[in-house]
Amino acid sequence: MSKSDKQSLRYSDYYWCMSLKDFIEWVEADDDQEPATSYSDQR
């Protein structure tokens, strides 16, 4: 996924698996890596 593709994504679709900071860094990174995911255990 290119940087221009990522810039059209909405954080609201990703907030469940990554922080806003991580989302911004992933979108700004000019690479094809998958986003980092961070899960919180809410049991």
Protein backbone atom coordinates (compact mmCIF):
# COMPACT_ATOMS: atom_id res chain seq x y z
CA MET A 1 0.00 0.00 0.00
CA SER A 2 1.56 3.27 -1.07
CA LYS A 3 1.69 6.46 0.96
CA SER A 4 -0.99 8.06 -1.22
CA ASP A 5 -3.24 5.03 -0.67
CA LYS A 6 -2.73 5.23 3.08
CA GLN A 7 -3.54 8.95 3.18
CA SER A 8 -7.07 8.20 1.98
CA LEU A 9 -7.70 5.88 4.93
CA ARG A 10 -9.62 6.99 7.97
CA TYR A 11 -8.32 6.50 11.50
CA SER A 12 -11.84 5.58 12.63
CA ASP A 13 -11.42 2.30 10.74
CA TYR A 14 -8.20 1.48 12.60
CA TYR A 15 -8.63 2.89 16.11
CA TRP A 16 -9.51 -0.56 17.51
CA CYS A 17 -6.08 -1.97 16.70
CA MET A 18 -3.65 0.95 16.82
CA SER A 19 -3.11 4.25 18.55
CA LEU A 20 -3.48 7.53 16.68
CA LYS A 21 0.27 8.09 16.99
CA ASP A 22 0.99 4.70 15.40
CA PHE A 23 -1.58 5.34 12.67
CA ILE A 24 -0.05 8.72 11.76
CA GLU A 25 3.46 7.26 11.71
CA TRP A 26 2.30 4.39 9.49
CA VAL A 27 0.54 6.73 7.06
CA GLU A 28 3.51 9.11 6.92
CA ALA A 29 6.01 6.29 6.38
CA ASP A 30 6.73 5.90 2.69
CA ASP A 31 6.81 2.12 2.65
CA ASP A 32 4.60 -0.88 2.05
CA GLN A 33 4.70 -2.36 5.53
CA GLU A 34 1.63 -3.57 7.31
CA PRO A 35 0.50 -1.35 10.18
CA ALA A 36 1.67 -2.18 13.65
CA THR A 37 -1.13 -3.43 15.84
CA SER A 38 -1.49 -2.93 19.55
CA TYR A 39 -4.17 -4.80 21.38
CA SER A 40 -5.33 -4.04 24.88
CA ASP A 41 -6.68 -6.88 26.96
CA GLN A 42 -10.06 -5.70 28.18
CA ARG A 43 -11.23 -8.76 30.10
